[in-house]
Amino acid sequence: MRPLEGLRVLDLSRLLPGPFATLVLADLGADVVLVEDPRGGDALRRLPPLAGEASGAFHALNRNKCSVALDVRRPEGAAVFLRLARRADVVVESFRPGVLEGLGLGWTALRAANPRLVLCSITGYGQDGPYAARAGHDVDYLAVAGVLGLTGEPERPAVPGVQVADLAGGSWPAVAGILAALLRRATTGEGAHVDVSMAEGAVSLMTLPLAMAWARGTPLERGRELLSGGAACYGVYRTSDGRFVALGALEPKFFAAFCAAAGRPELAPRQFEAGGAGPRAELEALFASRTRDEWAALAAAHDVCLAPVLEGDEPRSDPHLVARGAFVQVPTPWEGRAIPGIATPVRLRGEQAPLAPAPRLGEHGESVLREAGFGDAELAELRAAGVLGE
């Protein structure tokens, strides 16, 4: 039995933060039902490149889920959703604050329909405050949080290669908040409204650098902090073949081990010279003397905190990640094709989540509504009115 079996989740969210959160819940056994607009569904379905009739991104984020095509913007559709919510444990949504209330599906209405329900709202800036109604995307939330201001070279911030605020600041806090609310519900019998702000989630990622800056009494400086480019013993270096390695020899014992293994033991006492910067020029010249993979082999042989910077598709063939099952083949319903995917990193030892393909738009509408007590006449009426898609 998977940990969340028997848990029913209605997912109104779109794109990345909400769908990733419900993917984690689905992989852990929850019954996740996507509630999509009948006129095309989640916009992520159409984001190129496509794999069959839907995008590779949609397949990756929505495996192990069902789909109901329901127009909740119409009163009849909202009424159907409330009936579904009576039998649900969790609702996840990512509209701007106030939109759900405008549909008649706000927290007050949902709680009246099901007092045990947990509603999780994932937004850029939260349900209240001066920025609550403001538009934004991942890079904006990182900017407000200070993460972007700390990332990159002193001359210019750098946009991260992945959506940090969406996932680390939105999806994972949503999963934690939902599970915390469900755990409390087991004692109190009452649901809760979980308010997730991706900007605040991104601020939480600044805990360590801000604590260090506050303690010393000076502001953070991009590219000059201990863990963000300011120390030679903790950074990225170009190798002789034009590739890169990441040196993370922060503790003196690890830096000494690296210097000894590299044949430069005299550099070890200079780890934090020059105001903490250390022997950067010497290390740059040293790393330029061997290839990336030669440095990786040396590190593996001497227990050194160094790793090759894998690029492109290289992580999929990394022996450790392969052995750990970090990557999976996600089935699709089209032409028997499977596409590469990433396993949920929350796992119980000895257990593996089954992989079902992402659903077609509205694929499970009839079965989900019948389970909620809808009969033939009601289903026919909803379809005729365009409220329920096929």
Protein backbone atom coordinates (compact mmCIF):
# COMPACT_ATOMS: atom_id res chain seq x y z
CA MET A 1 0.00 0.00 0.00
CA ARG A 2 1.38 3.39 -1.00
CA PRO A 3 1.43 6.11 1.69
CA LEU A 4 -1.34 8.32 0.26
CA GLU A 5 -3.69 5.67 -1.12
CA GLY A 6 -7.32 6.64 -0.60
CA LEU A 7 -6.59 10.37 -0.70
CA ARG A 8 -8.66 12.24 -3.31
CA VAL A 9 -7.15 15.44 -4.76
CA LEU A 10 -8.92 17.83 -7.15
CA ASP A 11 -6.33 19.79 -9.11
CA LEU A 12 -7.35 23.12 -10.64
CA SER A 13 -3.75 24.29 -11.05
CA ARG A 14 -1.89 24.81 -14.30
CA LEU A 15 1.64 24.83 -15.76
CA LEU A 16 4.40 23.88 -13.25
CA PRO A 17 4.14 24.63 -9.50
CA GLY A 18 0.74 23.04 -8.78
CA PRO A 19 1.09 20.11 -11.20
CA PHE A 20 4.51 19.21 -9.77
CA ALA A 21 3.07 19.26 -6.25
CA THR A 22 0.19 16.99 -7.24
CA LEU A 23 2.61 14.77 -9.18
CA VAL A 24 4.41 14.09 -5.90
CA LEU A 25 1.08 13.30 -4.24
CA ALA A 26 0.05 11.05 -7.14
CA ASP A 27 3.33 9.15 -7.15
CA LEU A 28 2.84 8.57 -3.42
CA GLY A 29 -0.55 7.02 -4.09
CA ALA A 30 -3.09 9.87 -4.03
CA ASP A 31 -5.98 9.80 -6.50
CA VAL A 32 -5.38 13.08 -8.37
CA VAL A 33 -8.07 14.41 -10.69
CA LEU A 34 -7.16 17.25 -13.04
CA VAL A 35 -10.11 19.59 -13.50
CA GLU A 36 -9.44 21.22 -16.86
CA ASP A 37 -11.13 23.70 -19.18
CA PRO A 38 -13.03 21.73 -21.86
CA ARG A 39 -11.73 24.15 -24.51
CA GLY A 40 -8.19 22.83 -24.56
CA GLY A 41 -7.29 22.01 -20.98
CA ASP A 42 -4.06 23.02 -19.31
CA ALA A 43 -2.04 25.28 -21.62
CA LEU A 44 0.94 23.07 -20.81
CA ARG A 45 -0.62 20.40 -23.06
CA ARG A 46 0.25 22.55 -26.08
CA LEU A 47 3.72 23.75 -25.07
CA PRO A 48 6.23 22.54 -27.72
CA PRO A 49 7.82 20.13 -28.23
CA LEU A 50 4.92 17.70 -28.43
CA ALA A 51 5.00 13.96 -27.81
CA GLY A 52 1.87 12.68 -29.50
CA GLU A 53 -1.10 14.90 -28.77
CA ALA A 54 0.43 16.62 -25.73
CA SER A 55 3.71 18.19 -24.77
CA GLY A 56 6.58 16.31 -23.23
CA ALA A 57 6.24 18.60 -20.22
CA PHE A 58 2.58 17.68 -19.73
CA HIS A 59 3.40 13.97 -19.89
CA ALA A 60 6.21 14.40 -17.35
CA LEU A 61 4.13 16.37 -14.82
CA ASN A 62 0.80 14.58 -15.07
CA ARG A 63 1.50 10.86 -15.02
CA ASN A 64 -0.61 8.84 -12.59
CA LYS A 65 -3.48 11.38 -12.78
CA CYS A 66 -7.03 11.46 -14.15
CA SER A 67 -8.69 14.26 -16.14
CA VAL A 68 -12.16 15.78 -16.04
CA ALA A 69 -12.99 18.47 -18.61
CA LEU A 70 -15.27 20.78 -16.62
CA ASP A 71 -16.01 24.46 -17.21
CA VAL A 72 -15.97 25.78 -13.64
CA ARG A 73 -16.39 29.36 -14.88
CA ARG A 74 -20.04 28.60 -15.55
CA PRO A 75 -22.41 28.29 -12.59
CA GLU A 76 -23.38 24.75 -13.60
CA GLY A 77 -19.73 23.72 -13.70
CA ALA A 78 -19.00 25.34 -10.34
CA ALA A 79 -21.95 23.44 -8.87
CA VAL A 80 -20.54 20.18 -10.23
CA PHE A 81 -17.15 21.00 -8.73
CA LEU A 82 -18.72 21.60 -5.31
CA ARG A 83 -20.33 18.16 -5.49
CA LEU A 84 -16.96 16.64 -6.31
CA ALA A 85 -15.36 18.60 -3.46
CA ARG A 86 -17.74 17.01 -0.96
CA ARG A 87 -16.01 13.69 -1.59
CA ALA A 88 -12.48 15.09 -1.86
CA ASP A 89 -9.72 15.54 0.69
CA VAL A 90 -7.68 18.23 -1.06
CA VAL A 91 -8.18 20.96 -3.66
CA VAL A 92 -5.11 22.55 -5.26
CA GLU A 93 -5.41 25.81 -7.21
CA SER A 94 -3.10 28.47 -8.62
CA PHE A 95 -5.41 31.32 -9.64
CA ARG A 96 -4.64 34.85 -8.53
CA PRO A 97 -6.27 35.74 -5.19
CA GLY A 98 -9.98 36.40 -5.57
CA VAL A 99 -10.50 34.43 -8.79
CA LEU A 100 -11.74 31.30 -7.02
CA GLU A 101 -14.16 33.40 -4.96
CA GLY A 102 -15.46 34.98 -8.16
CA LEU A 103 -16.30 31.50 -9.44
CA GLY A 104 -18.23 30.71 -6.28
CA LEU A 105 -15.52 28.25 -5.26
CA GLY A 106 -13.61 30.21 -2.64
CA TRP A 107 -12.57 28.91 0.75
CA THR A 108 -15.88 29.84 2.38
CA ALA A 109 -17.91 27.93 -0.23
CA LEU A 110 -15.60 24.93 -0.25
CA ARG A 111 -15.49 24.71 3.54
CA ALA A 112 -19.30 24.87 3.66
CA ALA A 113 -19.47 21.99 1.19
CA ASN A 114 -16.85 19.94 3.03
CA PRO A 115 -15.55 21.09 6.44
CA ARG A 116 -12.77 18.48 6.29
CA LEU A 117 -11.39 19.77 2.99
CA VAL A 118 -7.83 21.08 2.64
CA LEU A 119 -7.52 23.88 0.07
CA CYS A 120 -4.00 24.69 -1.11
CA SER A 121 -3.55 27.97 -2.99
CA ILE A 122 -0.21 28.43 -4.78
CA THR A 123 0.38 32.00 -5.92
CA GLY A 124 3.28 34.30 -6.64
CA TYR A 125 2.85 36.58 -3.64
CA GLY A 126 0.25 34.96 -1.37
CA GLN A 127 -3.40 35.65 -0.60
CA ASP A 128 -2.87 39.13 0.84
CA GLY A 129 -0.34 41.96 0.97
CA PRO A 130 0.56 44.77 -1.45
CA TYR A 131 1.72 42.39 -4.20
CA ALA A 132 -1.07 39.81 -3.91
CA ALA A 133 -2.73 40.68 -7.24
CA ARG A 134 0.53 41.25 -9.11
CA ALA A 135 1.42 39.13 -12.15
CA GLY A 136 4.70 37.28 -12.18
CA HIS A 137 6.78 34.25 -13.04
CA ASP A 138 9.64 32.39 -11.42
CA VAL A 139 12.30 34.97 -12.24
CA ASP A 140 10.18 37.75 -10.70
CA TYR A 141 9.73 35.89 -7.42
CA LEU A 142 13.46 35.19 -7.28
CA ALA A 143 14.13 38.87 -7.88
CA VAL A 144 11.87 40.01 -5.03
CA ALA A 145 13.27 37.35 -2.69
CA GLY A 146 16.87 38.43 -3.20
CA VAL A 147 17.90 35.11 -4.71
CA LEU A 148 18.49 36.64 -8.14
CA GLY A 149 20.47 39.48 -6.60
CA LEU A 150 22.85 36.97 -5.02
CA THR A 151 23.23 34.75 -8.11
CA GLY A 152 25.82 35.33 -10.81
CA GLU A 153 28.89 37.49 -11.23
CA PRO A 154 29.43 40.81 -9.41
CA GLU A 155 28.64 42.72 -12.61
CA ARG A 156 25.29 41.08 -13.37
CA PRO A 157 22.72 38.67 -11.88
CA ALA A 158 22.24 35.34 -13.67
CA VAL A 159 18.94 33.62 -14.42
CA PRO A 160 19.03 30.08 -12.93
CA GLY A 161 18.69 27.18 -15.34
CA VAL A 162 15.67 25.75 -13.53
CA GLN A 163 12.53 27.22 -11.98
CA VAL A 164 13.72 27.54 -8.40
CA ALA A 165 10.86 29.65 -7.01
CA ASP A 166 8.21 27.56 -8.76
CA LEU A 167 9.50 24.27 -7.39
CA ALA A 168 11.54 24.90 -4.23
CA GLY A 169 9.44 27.94 -3.29
CA GLY A 170 6.04 26.71 -4.44
CA SER A 171 5.62 23.00 -5.13
CA TRP A 172 7.50 21.59 -2.16
CA PRO A 173 6.00 24.00 0.41
CA ALA A 174 2.60 23.06 -1.03
CA VAL A 175 3.27 19.35 -0.49
CA ALA A 176 4.50 20.01 3.06
CA GLY A 177 1.54 22.29 3.84
CA ILE A 178 -1.01 19.82 2.49
CA LEU A 179 0.42 16.91 4.45
CA ALA A 180 0.65 19.03 7.63
CA ALA A 181 -3.00 20.09 7.25
CA LEU A 182 -4.08 16.50 6.67
CA LEU A 183 -2.15 15.33 9.73
CA ARG A 184 -3.85 17.96 11.88
CA ARG A 185 -7.22 17.05 10.38
CA ALA A 186 -6.75 13.50 11.61
CA THR A 187 -6.88 14.93 15.14
CA THR A 188 -9.28 17.86 14.83
CA GLY A 189 -11.52 16.75 11.98
CA GLU A 190 -11.19 20.20 10.43
CA GLY A 191 -9.76 21.22 7.08
CA ALA A 192 -7.52 24.21 6.37
CA HIS A 193 -6.58 26.76 3.73
CA VAL A 194 -2.87 26.41 2.91
CA ASP A 195 -1.52 29.72 1.57
CA VAL A 196 1.69 29.21 -0.44
CA SER A 197 3.58 32.25 -1.75
CA MET A 198 6.36 31.38 -4.17
CA ALA A 199 8.14 34.65 -3.39
CA GLU A 200 8.16 33.82 0.33
CA GLY A 201 9.22 30.28 -0.47
CA ALA A 202 12.16 31.75 -2.36
CA VAL A 203 12.95 34.03 0.60
CA SER A 204 13.24 30.92 2.77
CA LEU A 205 16.08 29.76 0.51
CA MET A 206 18.01 32.83 1.66
CA THR A 207 18.09 31.64 5.29
CA LEU A 208 21.82 30.87 5.46
CA PRO A 209 23.27 33.82 3.50
CA LEU A 210 21.01 36.34 5.22
CA ALA A 211 21.86 34.94 8.65
CA MET A 212 25.55 35.28 7.88
CA ALA A 213 25.12 38.82 6.55
CA TRP A 214 23.04 39.94 9.52
CA ALA A 215 25.55 38.46 11.96
CA ARG A 216 28.49 40.31 10.42
CA GLY A 217 26.53 43.53 9.94
CA THR A 218 27.20 44.07 6.23
CA PRO A 219 24.95 43.45 3.21
CA LEU A 220 25.31 40.52 0.85
CA GLU A 221 27.49 40.98 -2.24
CA ARG A 222 26.80 39.00 -5.40
CA GLY A 223 29.73 36.84 -6.47
CA ARG A 224 31.70 37.58 -3.32
CA GLU A 225 30.02 35.49 -0.63
CA LEU A 226 31.60 32.32 0.73
CA LEU A 227 29.07 29.99 -0.93
CA SER A 228 28.28 31.99 -4.06
CA GLY A 229 31.60 32.54 -5.78
CA GLY A 230 33.65 34.45 -3.24
CA ALA A 231 35.93 31.60 -2.13
CA ALA A 232 38.36 29.81 -4.43
CA CYS A 233 37.78 26.51 -2.61
CA TYR A 234 34.07 26.57 -3.50
CA GLY A 235 33.38 27.25 -7.15
CA VAL A 236 33.42 26.20 -10.79
CA TYR A 237 36.59 25.83 -12.88
CA ARG A 238 37.27 25.30 -16.58
CA THR A 239 39.32 22.23 -17.47
CA SER A 240 41.76 21.57 -20.31
CA ASP A 241 39.03 20.20 -22.60
CA GLY A 242 36.81 23.24 -22.20
CA ARG A 243 34.49 21.50 -19.75
CA PHE A 244 33.94 22.36 -16.09
CA VAL A 245 34.24 20.87 -12.61
CA ALA A 246 32.67 22.00 -9.35
CA LEU A 247 35.02 22.18 -6.38
CA GLY A 248 33.25 22.09 -3.02
CA ALA A 249 36.23 21.71 -0.68
CA LEU A 250 34.90 24.10 1.94
CA GLU A 251 36.27 22.43 5.06
CA PRO A 252 40.06 22.71 5.49
CA LYS A 253 40.48 18.93 5.62
CA PHE A 254 38.80 18.52 2.24
CA PHE A 255 40.76 21.37 0.66
CA ALA A 256 43.99 19.89 2.01
CA ALA A 257 43.00 16.48 0.61
CA PHE A 258 42.34 18.03 -2.79
CA CYS A 259 45.62 19.95 -2.84
CA ALA A 260 47.56 16.83 -1.87
CA ALA A 261 45.82 14.68 -4.50
CA ALA A 262 46.44 17.34 -7.16
CA GLY A 263 50.14 17.53 -6.28
CA ARG A 264 49.94 21.05 -4.85
CA PRO A 265 49.97 20.58 -1.05
CA GLU A 266 51.49 24.04 -0.57
CA LEU A 267 48.16 25.63 -1.56
CA ALA A 268 46.28 24.17 1.41
CA PRO A 269 47.37 26.79 4.01
CA ARG A 270 46.30 29.54 1.61
CA GLN A 271 42.66 28.42 1.47
CA PHE A 272 41.21 31.67 2.82
CA GLU A 273 43.98 34.16 2.10
CA ALA A 274 43.30 37.50 0.37
CA GLY A 275 40.29 38.27 2.52
CA GLY A 276 38.81 34.81 2.09
CA ALA A 277 39.19 34.56 -1.68
CA GLY A 278 42.07 32.09 -1.56
CA PRO A 279 44.50 31.08 -4.33
CA ARG A 280 42.06 31.45 -7.24
CA ALA A 281 44.62 32.14 -9.99
CA GLU A 282 46.68 29.10 -9.00
CA LEU A 283 43.59 26.88 -8.98
CA GLU A 284 42.46 28.15 -12.38
CA ALA A 285 45.84 27.24 -13.85
CA LEU A 286 45.83 23.89 -12.07
CA PHE A 287 42.41 22.85 -13.35
CA ALA A 288 43.38 23.88 -16.88
CA SER A 289 46.07 21.16 -16.83
CA ARG A 290 43.70 18.16 -16.97
CA THR A 291 40.39 17.20 -18.55
CA ARG A 292 37.11 17.22 -16.71
CA ASP A 293 36.93 13.44 -16.51
CA GLU A 294 40.53 13.16 -15.33
CA TRP A 295 39.70 15.49 -12.45
CA ALA A 296 36.57 13.47 -11.69
CA ALA A 297 38.60 10.25 -11.56
CA LEU A 298 41.14 11.86 -9.24
CA ALA A 299 38.38 13.07 -6.93
CA ALA A 300 36.78 9.63 -6.77
CA ALA A 301 40.10 8.02 -5.88
CA HIS A 302 40.92 10.46 -3.07
CA ASP A 303 37.57 11.29 -1.42
CA VAL A 304 37.69 14.87 -2.65
CA CYS A 305 34.65 17.18 -2.76
CA LEU A 306 34.71 17.64 -6.52
CA ALA A 307 32.25 16.67 -9.23
CA PRO A 308 32.15 16.99 -13.00
CA VAL A 309 29.67 19.56 -14.31
CA LEU A 310 27.36 17.35 -16.36
CA GLU A 311 25.71 19.06 -19.30
CA GLY A 312 22.95 18.37 -21.79
CA ASP A 313 21.76 14.77 -21.55
CA GLU A 314 24.75 13.55 -19.52
CA PRO A 315 22.91 13.18 -16.18
CA ARG A 316 20.71 10.44 -17.69
CA SER A 317 23.76 8.21 -18.12
CA ASP A 318 25.46 9.03 -14.83
CA PRO A 319 26.04 5.63 -13.18
CA HIS A 320 24.95 6.74 -9.72
CA LEU A 321 21.74 8.42 -10.87
CA VAL A 322 20.95 5.41 -13.05
CA ALA A 323 21.58 2.99 -10.18
CA ARG A 324 19.33 5.03 -7.89
CA GLY A 325 16.49 5.05 -10.41
CA ALA A 326 16.41 8.84 -10.71
CA PHE A 327 15.12 8.60 -14.27
CA VAL A 328 12.10 6.69 -15.52
CA GLN A 329 10.38 5.98 -18.81
CA VAL A 330 6.91 7.52 -18.69
CA PRO A 331 4.35 5.69 -20.83
CA THR A 332 2.06 7.65 -23.12
CA PRO A 333 -1.25 6.56 -24.67
CA TRP A 334 -0.08 7.43 -28.17
CA GLU A 335 1.56 4.85 -30.45
CA GLY A 336 2.96 2.96 -27.50
CA ARG A 337 5.59 5.64 -27.00
CA ALA A 338 7.37 6.32 -23.73
CA ILE A 339 9.26 9.49 -22.89
CA PRO A 340 12.03 10.10 -20.36
CA GLY A 341 10.90 11.35 -16.99
CA ILE A 342 12.25 11.99 -13.53
CA ALA A 343 11.24 9.88 -10.54
CA THR A 344 9.75 11.60 -7.51
CA PRO A 345 12.68 11.93 -5.08
CA VAL A 346 10.50 11.02 -2.08
CA ARG A 347 10.65 7.28 -1.82
CA LEU A 348 10.08 4.58 0.74
CA ARG A 349 12.83 1.99 0.66
CA GLY A 350 11.79 -1.10 -1.23
CA GLU A 351 8.80 0.58 -2.89
CA GLN A 352 8.45 2.00 -6.38
CA ALA A 353 5.61 4.11 -7.72
CA PRO A 354 3.76 2.62 -10.69
CA LEU A 355 3.75 4.71 -13.84
CA ALA A 356 0.47 5.38 -15.63
CA PRO A 357 0.35 7.71 -18.64
CA ALA A 358 -0.84 11.29 -18.39
CA PRO A 359 -4.55 11.44 -19.22
CA ARG A 360 -6.23 12.66 -22.35
CA LEU A 361 -8.33 15.76 -21.80
CA GLY A 362 -11.56 14.70 -20.10
CA GLU A 363 -10.65 11.01 -20.28
CA HIS A 364 -12.13 10.19 -16.87
CA GLY A 365 -14.99 12.68 -16.72
CA GLU A 366 -17.83 10.20 -16.83
CA SER A 367 -16.32 7.74 -14.34
CA VAL A 368 -15.41 10.48 -11.84
CA LEU A 369 -18.85 12.10 -12.01
CA ARG A 370 -20.68 8.77 -11.79
CA GLU A 371 -18.66 7.97 -8.68
CA ALA A 372 -19.92 11.27 -7.24
CA GLY A 373 -23.53 10.25 -7.89
CA PHE A 374 -24.27 11.81 -11.28
CA GLY A 375 -26.72 9.86 -13.40
CA ASP A 376 -27.24 9.47 -17.15
CA ALA A 377 -29.64 12.39 -17.46
CA GLU A 378 -27.35 14.79 -15.57
CA LEU A 379 -24.32 13.77 -17.60
CA ALA A 380 -26.19 14.21 -20.87
CA GLU A 381 -27.44 17.63 -19.80
CA LEU A 382 -23.96 18.80 -18.79
CA ARG A 383 -22.49 17.62 -22.09
CA ALA A 384 -25.25 19.23 -24.13
CA ALA A 385 -24.63 22.53 -22.36
CA GLY A 386 -20.88 22.34 -22.99
CA VAL A 387 -20.13 22.29 -19.27
CA LEU A 388 -18.65 18.77 -19.37
CA GLY A 389 -16.26 17.83 -22.14
CA GLU A 390 -16.01 14.40 -23.70
